[in-house]
Structure formats: structure tokens, C-alpha cells
Amino acid sequence: MGTSKRLAPYYDMQAQHRAILAAAKAGPLQSLTDRELALREQPLTIYPHPLASVSAWVRFGPEAIRVDAKLARSTPLAAGIVFRAGDQTFRCWVWGNAVCRRDDGAAR
């Protein structure tokens, strides 16, 4: 029996949401500290409508997982991202080199 190529992105998204929720049980979502962000010394860009789709590494407790997210804020060194899993919305700051732009055009 074949697979549905039309529904493949949906199944991928569902699998990622399950993985995120499982990782969330390992501990709280970690974010950069105020000291690491250095917002008093670094310029901050706030995107009113997060449009850029990115892939980012985040950490729940000791467990690292790659997520599809939206870029909401940025500094020269860090990125503020937003991502969803199930009915939960997660927000955190990660180092800029933990983020790469997704070029697949998928809006999730």
C-alpha cells in the first residue's frame, strides 16, 4: 500500500509536535539570560508579524531538539523564536548560530 504524499507534511508536523511535547517533559524550556542577551548594549529588532520560518535548536532541561519556528525578535547575536506544539505556544531566546532559515516555503 502506498503513502499519501499530499499528507506527508501534515504527518511530519504531527510527529514534530509529539517530539516537542515529549521533550518538554524532560524539563523547562531554556532561554538565554538577560546577561547573555545584553539588551542594553545590543540593538533589538522586533518583528510585528513573525513571518520568517526558521529551524532552531532548543533545549528542554537536558534534552535538545530541533523545531520549526517563527523568528519574532533578534539581536546581532541571538534570536527570539516562537513555536507551537499541540495547543501550547513556546517562546525563547537562542543563540543566532542555533537558527537557520527554512527555504521550503511551508507555513506551519
N, C-alpha and C. Protein backbone atom coordinates (compact mmCIF):
# COMPACT_ATOMS: atom_id res chain seq x y z
N MET A 1 0.84 -1.17 0.00
CA MET A 1 0.00 0.00 0.00
C MET A 1 0.89 1.24 0.00
N GLY A 2 0.52 2.26 -0.74
CA GLY A 2 1.33 3.46 -0.88
C GLY A 2 1.11 4.45 0.25
N THR A 3 1.87 5.52 0.20
CA THR A 3 1.73 6.58 1.19
C THR A 3 1.16 7.82 0.52
N SER A 4 0.58 8.69 1.31
CA SER A 4 -0.01 9.91 0.78
C SER A 4 1.03 11.02 0.78
N LYS A 5 1.47 11.40 -0.40
CA LYS A 5 2.44 12.49 -0.50
C LYS A 5 1.79 13.82 -0.15
N ARG A 6 0.50 13.91 -0.39
CA ARG A 6 -0.23 15.14 -0.09
C ARG A 6 -0.28 15.40 1.41
N LEU A 7 -0.38 14.34 2.20
CA LEU A 7 -0.48 14.49 3.65
C LEU A 7 0.85 14.37 4.38
N ALA A 8 1.93 14.11 3.67
CA ALA A 8 3.24 13.92 4.30
C ALA A 8 3.65 15.11 5.17
N PRO A 9 3.50 16.37 4.72
CA PRO A 9 3.87 17.50 5.60
C PRO A 9 3.05 17.53 6.89
N TYR A 10 1.78 17.17 6.80
CA TYR A 10 0.92 17.14 7.99
C TYR A 10 1.43 16.10 8.98
N TYR A 11 1.76 14.90 8.48
CA TYR A 11 2.26 13.85 9.37
C TYR A 11 3.61 14.23 9.97
N ASP A 12 4.46 14.90 9.19
CA ASP A 12 5.74 15.38 9.72
C ASP A 12 5.52 16.38 10.85
N MET A 13 4.56 17.30 10.66
CA MET A 13 4.27 18.30 11.69
C MET A 13 3.74 17.62 12.95
N GLN A 14 2.85 16.65 12.79
CA GLN A 14 2.30 15.94 13.95
C GLN A 14 3.41 15.20 14.70
N ALA A 15 4.33 14.58 13.98
CA ALA A 15 5.45 13.88 14.61
C ALA A 15 6.34 14.86 15.37
N GLN A 16 6.58 16.03 14.78
CA GLN A 16 7.40 17.02 15.47
C GLN A 16 6.71 17.52 16.73
N HIS A 17 5.41 17.74 16.68
CA HIS A 17 4.67 18.19 17.86
C HIS A 17 4.75 17.15 18.97
N ARG A 18 4.62 15.87 18.63
CA ARG A 18 4.75 14.81 19.64
C ARG A 18 6.15 14.81 20.25
N ALA A 19 7.17 15.00 19.41
CA ALA A 19 8.55 15.01 19.90
C ALA A 19 8.79 16.21 20.82
N ILE A 20 8.23 17.37 20.48
CA ILE A 20 8.39 18.57 21.32
C ILE A 20 7.73 18.36 22.67
N LEU A 21 6.50 17.84 22.66
CA LEU A 21 5.79 17.63 23.92
C LEU A 21 6.48 16.58 24.78
N ALA A 22 7.07 15.56 24.16
CA ALA A 22 7.83 14.56 24.91
C ALA A 22 9.08 15.19 25.52
N ALA A 23 9.77 16.04 24.75
CA ALA A 23 10.97 16.71 25.26
C ALA A 23 10.62 17.67 26.38
N ALA A 24 9.44 18.30 26.30
CA ALA A 24 9.02 19.26 27.32
C ALA A 24 8.86 18.59 28.68
N LYS A 25 8.64 17.29 28.68
CA LYS A 25 8.52 16.56 29.95
C LYS A 25 9.87 16.39 30.63
N ALA A 26 10.97 16.56 29.88
CA ALA A 26 12.32 16.40 30.43
C ALA A 26 12.73 17.58 31.29
N GLY A 27 12.06 18.71 31.14
CA GLY A 27 12.41 19.89 31.92
C GLY A 27 11.87 21.14 31.26
N PRO A 28 12.07 22.29 31.90
CA PRO A 28 11.55 23.55 31.34
C PRO A 28 12.34 23.98 30.10
N LEU A 29 11.67 24.74 29.25
CA LEU A 29 12.32 25.31 28.07
C LEU A 29 13.38 26.30 28.53
N GLN A 30 14.59 26.14 28.05
CA GLN A 30 15.68 27.03 28.44
C GLN A 30 15.78 28.19 27.46
N SER A 31 16.07 29.36 28.00
CA SER A 31 16.21 30.57 27.20
C SER A 31 17.49 31.28 27.64
N LEU A 32 18.02 32.13 26.78
CA LEU A 32 19.20 32.90 27.16
C LEU A 32 18.87 33.84 28.30
N THR A 33 19.84 34.11 29.13
CA THR A 33 19.65 35.01 30.27
C THR A 33 19.76 36.47 29.81
N ASP A 34 19.33 37.38 30.67
CA ASP A 34 19.45 38.81 30.37
C ASP A 34 20.91 39.20 30.15
N ARG A 35 21.79 38.60 30.93
CA ARG A 35 23.22 38.89 30.79
C ARG A 35 23.74 38.43 29.42
N GLU A 36 23.29 37.25 28.98
CA GLU A 36 23.72 36.75 27.68
C GLU A 36 23.15 37.59 26.53
N LEU A 37 21.92 38.06 26.69
CA LEU A 37 21.31 38.88 25.65
C LEU A 37 21.92 40.27 25.55
N ALA A 38 22.34 40.83 26.67
CA ALA A 38 22.97 42.16 26.72
C ALA A 38 22.14 43.19 25.95
N LEU A 39 20.85 43.26 26.26
CA LEU A 39 19.95 44.15 25.52
C LEU A 39 20.27 45.62 25.71
N ARG A 40 20.98 45.97 26.78
CA ARG A 40 21.36 47.38 26.97
C ARG A 40 22.49 47.79 26.03
N GLU A 41 23.27 46.82 25.59
CA GLU A 41 24.40 47.12 24.71
C GLU A 41 24.13 46.77 23.25
N GLN A 42 23.18 45.89 22.98
CA GLN A 42 22.92 45.41 21.62
C GLN A 42 21.59 45.95 21.10
N PRO A 43 21.53 46.30 19.82
CA PRO A 43 20.25 46.72 19.25
C PRO A 43 19.29 45.53 19.15
N LEU A 44 18.01 45.80 19.37
CA LEU A 44 16.98 44.77 19.33
C LEU A 44 16.01 45.07 18.19
N THR A 45 15.73 44.08 17.37
CA THR A 45 14.74 44.21 16.31
C THR A 45 13.54 43.35 16.68
N ILE A 46 12.35 43.97 16.68
CA ILE A 46 11.11 43.25 16.97
C ILE A 46 10.30 43.21 15.68
N TYR A 47 9.94 42.02 15.25
CA TYR A 47 9.15 41.84 14.04
C TYR A 47 7.68 41.78 14.44
N PRO A 48 6.86 42.78 14.04
CA PRO A 48 5.47 42.82 14.49
C PRO A 48 4.66 41.60 14.06
N HIS A 49 4.98 41.05 12.91
CA HIS A 49 4.32 39.84 12.42
C HIS A 49 5.41 38.85 12.05
N PRO A 50 5.72 37.91 12.95
CA PRO A 50 6.80 36.96 12.66
C PRO A 50 6.51 36.17 11.39
N LEU A 51 7.23 36.46 10.34
CA LEU A 51 6.99 35.79 9.07
C LEU A 51 8.09 34.82 8.69
N ALA A 52 9.31 35.07 9.13
CA ALA A 52 10.43 34.23 8.72
C ALA A 52 10.33 32.86 9.38
N SER A 53 10.24 31.83 8.55
CA SER A 53 10.23 30.46 9.06
C SER A 53 11.67 30.02 9.26
N VAL A 54 11.96 29.52 10.45
CA VAL A 54 13.31 29.09 10.77
C VAL A 54 13.27 27.70 11.38
N SER A 55 14.41 27.08 11.39
CA SER A 55 14.61 25.82 12.09
C SER A 55 15.63 26.13 13.18
N ALA A 56 15.33 25.75 14.41
CA ALA A 56 16.20 26.14 15.52
C ALA A 56 16.37 25.00 16.52
N TRP A 57 17.53 24.97 17.14
CA TRP A 57 17.78 24.03 18.24
C TRP A 57 17.35 24.69 19.53
N VAL A 58 16.51 24.00 20.30
CA VAL A 58 16.10 24.46 21.62
C VAL A 58 16.38 23.36 22.62
N ARG A 59 16.34 23.72 23.89
CA ARG A 59 16.65 22.76 24.94
C ARG A 59 15.56 22.78 26.00
N PHE A 60 14.99 21.61 26.26
CA PHE A 60 14.07 21.40 27.37
C PHE A 60 14.84 20.61 28.41
N GLY A 61 15.19 21.27 29.53
CA GLY A 61 16.03 20.59 30.52
C GLY A 61 17.31 20.15 29.83
N PRO A 62 17.70 18.88 29.97
CA PRO A 62 18.93 18.40 29.33
C PRO A 62 18.73 17.95 27.88
N GLU A 63 17.50 17.94 27.40
CA GLU A 63 17.23 17.39 26.07
C GLU A 63 17.15 18.47 25.00
N ALA A 64 17.97 18.31 23.96
CA ALA A 64 17.97 19.25 22.83
C ALA A 64 17.11 18.68 21.71
N ILE A 65 16.37 19.56 21.03
CA ILE A 65 15.51 19.14 19.93
C ILE A 65 15.46 20.26 18.90
N ARG A 66 15.37 19.87 17.64
CA ARG A 66 15.27 20.86 16.56
C ARG A 66 13.79 21.10 16.27
N VAL A 67 13.39 22.37 16.17
CA VAL A 67 11.99 22.72 15.97
C VAL A 67 11.84 23.67 14.78
N ASP A 68 10.67 23.64 14.17
CA ASP A 68 10.30 24.63 13.17
C ASP A 68 9.65 25.78 13.92
N ALA A 69 10.11 26.99 13.69
CA ALA A 69 9.65 28.14 14.47
C ALA A 69 9.51 29.37 13.59
N LYS A 70 9.03 30.44 14.20
CA LYS A 70 8.96 31.75 13.56
C LYS A 70 9.91 32.68 14.29
N LEU A 71 10.62 33.51 13.54
CA LEU A 71 11.53 34.49 14.12
C LEU A 71 10.72 35.70 14.55
N ALA A 72 10.71 36.00 15.86
CA ALA A 72 9.91 37.11 16.39
C ALA A 72 10.76 38.32 16.75
N ARG A 73 12.00 38.09 17.18
CA ARG A 73 12.91 39.16 17.60
C ARG A 73 14.33 38.74 17.28
N SER A 74 15.21 39.71 17.22
CA SER A 74 16.61 39.35 17.01
C SER A 74 17.53 40.46 17.50
N THR A 75 18.73 40.05 17.85
CA THR A 75 19.85 40.94 18.13
C THR A 75 20.96 40.47 17.20
N PRO A 76 22.10 41.15 17.17
CA PRO A 76 23.18 40.66 16.32
C PRO A 76 23.66 39.25 16.68
N LEU A 77 23.44 38.82 17.93
CA LEU A 77 23.94 37.51 18.36
C LEU A 77 22.87 36.48 18.70
N ALA A 78 21.63 36.90 18.89
CA ALA A 78 20.59 35.99 19.37
C ALA A 78 19.30 36.15 18.57
N ALA A 79 18.45 35.12 18.69
CA ALA A 79 17.15 35.14 18.02
C ALA A 79 16.06 34.77 19.01
N GLY A 80 15.00 35.54 19.00
CA GLY A 80 13.82 35.23 19.81
C GLY A 80 12.84 34.50 18.92
N ILE A 81 12.51 33.26 19.26
CA ILE A 81 11.66 32.45 18.40
C ILE A 81 10.37 32.07 19.10
N VAL A 82 9.38 31.72 18.29
CA VAL A 82 8.08 31.26 18.77
C VAL A 82 7.75 29.98 18.01
N PHE A 83 7.32 28.95 18.74
CA PHE A 83 6.90 27.72 18.07
C PHE A 83 5.76 27.09 18.85
N ARG A 84 5.00 26.27 18.16
CA ARG A 84 3.81 25.64 18.75
C ARG A 84 3.95 24.12 18.72
N ALA A 85 3.30 23.50 19.70
CA ALA A 85 3.15 22.05 19.73
C ALA A 85 1.82 21.77 20.40
N GLY A 86 0.93 21.13 19.67
CA GLY A 86 -0.40 20.91 20.22
C GLY A 86 -1.07 22.25 20.44
N ASP A 87 -1.60 22.46 21.63
CA ASP A 87 -2.26 23.74 21.94
C ASP A 87 -1.35 24.68 22.73
N GLN A 88 -0.06 24.34 22.84
CA GLN A 88 0.88 25.16 23.60
C GLN A 88 1.74 26.00 22.66
N THR A 89 2.01 27.22 23.09
CA THR A 89 2.93 28.10 22.37
C THR A 89 4.16 28.30 23.23
N PHE A 90 5.33 28.10 22.65
CA PHE A 90 6.60 28.25 23.36
C PHE A 90 7.35 29.44 22.79
N ARG A 91 8.01 30.20 23.68
CA ARG A 91 8.83 31.34 23.27
C ARG A 91 10.16 31.27 24.02
N CYS A 92 11.24 31.52 23.30
CA CYS A 92 12.54 31.54 23.97
C CYS A 92 13.55 32.30 23.11
N TRP A 93 14.66 32.62 23.75
CA TRP A 93 15.81 33.22 23.07
C TRP A 93 16.86 32.13 22.90
N VAL A 94 17.44 32.04 21.70
CA VAL A 94 18.52 31.10 21.43
C VAL A 94 19.65 31.86 20.74
N TRP A 95 20.83 31.28 20.75
CA TRP A 95 21.95 31.89 20.04
C TRP A 95 21.66 31.89 18.55
N GLY A 96 22.10 32.92 17.87
CA GLY A 96 21.84 33.06 16.44
C GLY A 96 22.35 31.91 15.61
N ASN A 97 23.48 31.30 16.01
CA ASN A 97 24.01 30.19 15.22
C ASN A 97 23.25 28.89 15.44
N ALA A 98 22.25 28.88 16.33
CA ALA A 98 21.38 27.71 16.52
C ALA A 98 20.16 27.78 15.60
N VAL A 99 20.10 28.83 14.78
CA VAL A 99 18.93 29.08 13.93
C VAL A 99 19.36 29.13 12.47
N CYS A 100 18.56 28.51 11.60
CA CYS A 100 18.78 28.67 10.16
C CYS A 100 17.43 28.85 9.48
N ARG A 101 17.44 29.66 8.45
CA ARG A 101 16.21 29.98 7.73
C ARG A 101 15.74 28.75 6.94
N ARG A 102 14.43 28.50 6.99
CA ARG A 102 13.85 27.40 6.21
C ARG A 102 13.43 27.95 4.86
N ASP A 103 13.87 27.29 3.81
CA ASP A 103 13.56 27.75 2.46
C ASP A 103 12.46 26.94 1.80
N ASP A 104 11.82 26.04 2.55
CA ASP A 104 10.82 25.16 1.93
C ASP A 104 9.49 25.86 1.68
N GLY A 105 9.32 27.08 2.21
CA GLY A 105 8.10 27.83 1.97
C GLY A 105 6.89 27.32 2.74
N ALA A 106 7.08 26.35 3.60
CA ALA A 106 5.96 25.80 4.36
C ALA A 106 5.58 26.74 5.49
N ALA A 107 4.34 27.09 5.57
CA ALA A 107 3.84 27.91 6.67
C ALA A 107 3.18 26.98 7.67
N ARG A 108 3.79 26.87 8.84
CA ARG A 108 3.25 25.94 9.84
C ARG A 108 2.78 26.67 11.04
